[in-house]
Amino acid sequence: MINRIGEVLKEKGAGNKDLVDFLKMEKETVSRWVNNKHQPTVATLNKIAEFLRVDIRELLHPSDWRNSKVEEFKPKNK
C-alpha cells in the first residue's frame, strides 16, 4: 500500500507536527508514514482522515485496474 498522507497534509496546510500532536505519536513514526517507509493501520488512517476532514480513500493512491494484465477474477460455477 502507498499512501498520500504527505500530499493531503500539504493540501490542507498542515504539517507532520500537526499530525504528531493530534495523534500523540513519535515524530519519526509520522515521518515514516509521510515518506511511505511504513504504513499506518487502518484505524490510524481513519483517525488521520477525521483530523484532516477527508474521506479515508483520499489518503490512499487510487487504483485503476482498467489496463491491468492480470486476469479478472470470475467465480467458478458449482
N, C-alpha and C. Protein backbone atom coordinates (compact mmCIF):
# COMPACT_ATOMS: atom_id res chain seq x y z
N MET A 1 0.85 -1.17 0.00
CA MET A 1 0.00 0.00 0.00
C MET A 1 0.89 1.23 0.00
N ILE A 2 0.48 2.22 -0.71
CA ILE A 2 1.17 3.51 -0.74
C ILE A 2 0.14 4.57 -0.34
N ASN A 3 0.55 5.47 0.53
CA ASN A 3 -0.41 6.48 0.99
C ASN A 3 -0.08 7.87 0.45
N ARG A 4 -1.04 8.76 0.63
CA ARG A 4 -0.92 10.16 0.21
C ARG A 4 -0.95 11.10 1.41
N ILE A 5 -0.58 10.62 2.57
CA ILE A 5 -0.69 11.43 3.78
C ILE A 5 0.06 12.75 3.63
N GLY A 6 1.29 12.71 3.15
CA GLY A 6 2.07 13.93 2.98
C GLY A 6 1.41 14.91 2.02
N GLU A 7 0.89 14.38 0.92
CA GLU A 7 0.23 15.25 -0.07
C GLU A 7 -1.02 15.91 0.52
N VAL A 8 -1.81 15.12 1.25
CA VAL A 8 -3.04 15.67 1.82
C VAL A 8 -2.71 16.67 2.93
N LEU A 9 -1.67 16.40 3.72
CA LEU A 9 -1.26 17.38 4.72
C LEU A 9 -0.96 18.72 4.05
N LYS A 10 -0.19 18.68 2.95
CA LYS A 10 0.14 19.93 2.24
C LYS A 10 -1.11 20.60 1.70
N GLU A 11 -2.01 19.80 1.11
CA GLU A 11 -3.26 20.35 0.56
C GLU A 11 -4.06 21.07 1.64
N LYS A 12 -4.00 20.57 2.86
CA LYS A 12 -4.76 21.14 3.97
C LYS A 12 -3.99 22.22 4.72
N GLY A 13 -2.75 22.47 4.32
CA GLY A 13 -1.94 23.48 5.00
C GLY A 13 -1.44 23.01 6.36
N ALA A 14 -1.33 21.71 6.53
CA ALA A 14 -0.87 21.14 7.79
C ALA A 14 0.51 20.52 7.59
N GLY A 15 1.15 20.19 8.67
CA GLY A 15 2.47 19.57 8.60
C GLY A 15 2.53 18.32 9.46
N ASN A 16 3.65 17.65 9.40
CA ASN A 16 3.86 16.45 10.20
C ASN A 16 3.61 16.71 11.68
N LYS A 17 4.10 17.87 12.16
CA LYS A 17 3.97 18.18 13.59
C LYS A 17 2.51 18.26 14.01
N ASP A 18 1.65 18.76 13.15
CA ASP A 18 0.22 18.82 13.47
C ASP A 18 -0.33 17.41 13.70
N LEU A 19 0.10 16.49 12.86
CA LEU A 19 -0.34 15.10 12.99
C LEU A 19 0.26 14.45 14.23
N VAL A 20 1.53 14.72 14.49
CA VAL A 20 2.20 14.20 15.69
C VAL A 20 1.44 14.66 16.94
N ASP A 21 1.12 15.94 17.00
CA ASP A 21 0.42 16.48 18.16
C ASP A 21 -0.98 15.88 18.31
N PHE A 22 -1.69 15.74 17.21
CA PHE A 22 -3.04 15.20 17.26
C PHE A 22 -3.05 13.73 17.68
N LEU A 23 -2.17 12.94 17.07
CA LEU A 23 -2.16 11.50 17.35
C LEU A 23 -1.37 11.13 18.60
N LYS A 24 -0.58 12.10 19.09
CA LYS A 24 0.30 11.85 20.25
C LYS A 24 1.22 10.66 19.96
N MET A 25 1.88 10.77 18.81
CA MET A 25 2.82 9.73 18.38
C MET A 25 4.18 10.35 18.17
N GLU A 26 5.18 9.50 18.06
CA GLU A 26 6.54 9.97 17.80
C GLU A 26 6.63 10.59 16.41
N LYS A 27 7.43 11.64 16.30
CA LYS A 27 7.58 12.31 15.00
C LYS A 27 8.22 11.38 13.98
N GLU A 28 9.06 10.45 14.43
CA GLU A 28 9.70 9.51 13.50
C GLU A 28 8.66 8.57 12.88
N THR A 29 7.67 8.19 13.66
CA THR A 29 6.61 7.31 13.16
C THR A 29 5.83 8.02 12.05
N VAL A 30 5.40 9.24 12.33
CA VAL A 30 4.65 10.01 11.34
C VAL A 30 5.51 10.26 10.10
N SER A 31 6.76 10.55 10.29
CA SER A 31 7.67 10.77 9.17
C SER A 31 7.76 9.53 8.28
N ARG A 32 7.81 8.36 8.89
CA ARG A 32 7.87 7.12 8.10
C ARG A 32 6.61 6.94 7.27
N TRP A 33 5.46 7.32 7.82
CA TRP A 33 4.21 7.22 7.06
C TRP A 33 4.22 8.21 5.90
N VAL A 34 4.59 9.45 6.20
CA VAL A 34 4.57 10.50 5.18
C VAL A 34 5.54 10.15 4.03
N ASN A 35 6.64 9.50 4.36
CA ASN A 35 7.63 9.12 3.35
C ASN A 35 7.42 7.71 2.79
N ASN A 36 6.31 7.09 3.16
CA ASN A 36 5.94 5.76 2.68
C ASN A 36 6.99 4.69 2.97
N LYS A 37 7.65 4.82 4.09
CA LYS A 37 8.60 3.77 4.51
C LYS A 37 7.86 2.72 5.35
N HIS A 38 6.80 3.13 6.02
CA HIS A 38 5.91 2.26 6.77
C HIS A 38 4.50 2.77 6.53
N GLN A 39 3.52 1.95 6.86
CA GLN A 39 2.13 2.36 6.67
C GLN A 39 1.38 2.29 8.00
N PRO A 40 0.51 3.25 8.23
CA PRO A 40 -0.31 3.21 9.44
C PRO A 40 -1.38 2.13 9.34
N THR A 41 -1.92 1.76 10.48
CA THR A 41 -3.03 0.81 10.48
C THR A 41 -4.26 1.48 9.88
N VAL A 42 -5.24 0.69 9.54
CA VAL A 42 -6.49 1.24 9.02
C VAL A 42 -7.16 2.12 10.07
N ALA A 43 -7.08 1.71 11.33
CA ALA A 43 -7.66 2.53 12.40
C ALA A 43 -6.97 3.89 12.48
N THR A 44 -5.66 3.91 12.33
CA THR A 44 -4.93 5.17 12.36
C THR A 44 -5.23 6.00 11.13
N LEU A 45 -5.33 5.37 9.97
CA LEU A 45 -5.71 6.10 8.76
C LEU A 45 -7.06 6.78 8.97
N ASN A 46 -7.97 6.09 9.62
CA ASN A 46 -9.28 6.66 9.88
C ASN A 46 -9.18 7.89 10.78
N LYS A 47 -8.32 7.83 11.80
CA LYS A 47 -8.11 8.99 12.68
C LYS A 47 -7.50 10.16 11.91
N ILE A 48 -6.55 9.85 11.03
CA ILE A 48 -5.92 10.90 10.21
C ILE A 48 -6.97 11.54 9.31
N ALA A 49 -7.81 10.70 8.69
CA ALA A 49 -8.86 11.21 7.81
C ALA A 49 -9.82 12.11 8.59
N GLU A 50 -10.16 11.70 9.80
CA GLU A 50 -11.05 12.51 10.63
C GLU A 50 -10.39 13.85 10.96
N PHE A 51 -9.11 13.81 11.34
CA PHE A 51 -8.37 15.03 11.68
C PHE A 51 -8.32 15.99 10.49
N LEU A 52 -8.06 15.45 9.30
CA LEU A 52 -7.93 16.28 8.10
C LEU A 52 -9.27 16.54 7.42
N ARG A 53 -10.32 15.92 7.95
CA ARG A 53 -11.67 16.07 7.39
C ARG A 53 -11.72 15.68 5.91
N VAL A 54 -11.17 14.49 5.63
CA VAL A 54 -11.22 13.95 4.27
C VAL A 54 -11.75 12.52 4.35
N ASP A 55 -12.24 12.03 3.24
CA ASP A 55 -12.62 10.63 3.14
C ASP A 55 -11.34 9.81 3.25
N ILE A 56 -11.37 8.72 3.96
CA ILE A 56 -10.18 7.89 4.15
C ILE A 56 -9.55 7.50 2.82
N ARG A 57 -10.37 7.37 1.78
CA ARG A 57 -9.84 7.00 0.46
C ARG A 57 -8.92 8.07 -0.10
N GLU A 58 -9.09 9.31 0.34
CA GLU A 58 -8.21 10.39 -0.12
C GLU A 58 -6.77 10.20 0.35
N LEU A 59 -6.60 9.40 1.41
CA LEU A 59 -5.26 9.15 1.95
C LEU A 59 -4.52 8.03 1.22
N LEU A 60 -5.19 7.39 0.29
CA LEU A 60 -4.59 6.28 -0.46
C LEU A 60 -4.48 6.64 -1.92
N HIS A 61 -3.47 6.11 -2.57
CA HIS A 61 -3.36 6.32 -4.01
C HIS A 61 -4.48 5.56 -4.70
N PRO A 62 -5.12 6.17 -5.67
CA PRO A 62 -6.23 5.50 -6.35
C PRO A 62 -5.74 4.28 -7.15
N SER A 63 -6.60 3.32 -7.23
CA SER A 63 -6.29 2.11 -8.00
C SER A 63 -7.08 2.16 -9.30
N ASP A 64 -6.40 1.99 -10.40
CA ASP A 64 -7.05 1.96 -11.71
C ASP A 64 -6.62 0.67 -12.39
N TRP A 65 -7.50 -0.28 -12.42
CA TRP A 65 -7.17 -1.60 -12.95
C TRP A 65 -7.66 -1.80 -14.38
N ARG A 66 -8.15 -0.77 -15.04
CA ARG A 66 -8.69 -0.93 -16.39
C ARG A 66 -7.69 -1.50 -17.36
N ASN A 67 -6.42 -1.16 -17.24
CA ASN A 67 -5.41 -1.64 -18.18
C ASN A 67 -4.54 -2.75 -17.60
N SER A 68 -5.00 -3.37 -16.53
CA SER A 68 -4.23 -4.43 -15.89
C SER A 68 -4.11 -5.65 -16.79
N LYS A 69 -2.96 -6.29 -16.72
CA LYS A 69 -2.74 -7.51 -17.47
C LYS A 69 -3.13 -8.75 -16.67
N VAL A 70 -3.52 -8.54 -15.42
CA VAL A 70 -3.95 -9.65 -14.57
C VAL A 70 -5.37 -10.02 -14.96
N GLU A 71 -5.59 -11.32 -15.12
CA GLU A 71 -6.92 -11.79 -15.50
C GLU A 71 -7.91 -11.51 -14.37
N GLU A 72 -9.06 -10.98 -14.75
CA GLU A 72 -10.09 -10.65 -13.77
C GLU A 72 -10.61 -11.91 -13.09
N PHE A 73 -10.86 -11.84 -11.79
CA PHE A 73 -11.40 -12.97 -11.05
C PHE A 73 -12.83 -13.21 -11.46
N LYS A 74 -13.14 -14.47 -11.72
CA LYS A 74 -14.51 -14.87 -12.02
C LYS A 74 -14.80 -16.12 -11.20
N PRO A 75 -15.88 -16.09 -10.43
CA PRO A 75 -16.18 -17.26 -9.59
C PRO A 75 -16.44 -18.49 -10.46
N LYS A 76 -16.02 -19.62 -9.93
CA LYS A 76 -16.24 -20.88 -10.64
C LYS A 76 -17.68 -21.31 -10.43
N ASN A 77 -18.25 -21.86 -11.47
CA ASN A 77 -19.62 -22.40 -11.34
C ASN A 77 -19.56 -23.66 -10.51
N LYS A 78 -20.53 -23.82 -9.66
CA LYS A 78 -20.55 -25.01 -8.80
C LYS A 78 -21.34 -26.11 -9.42
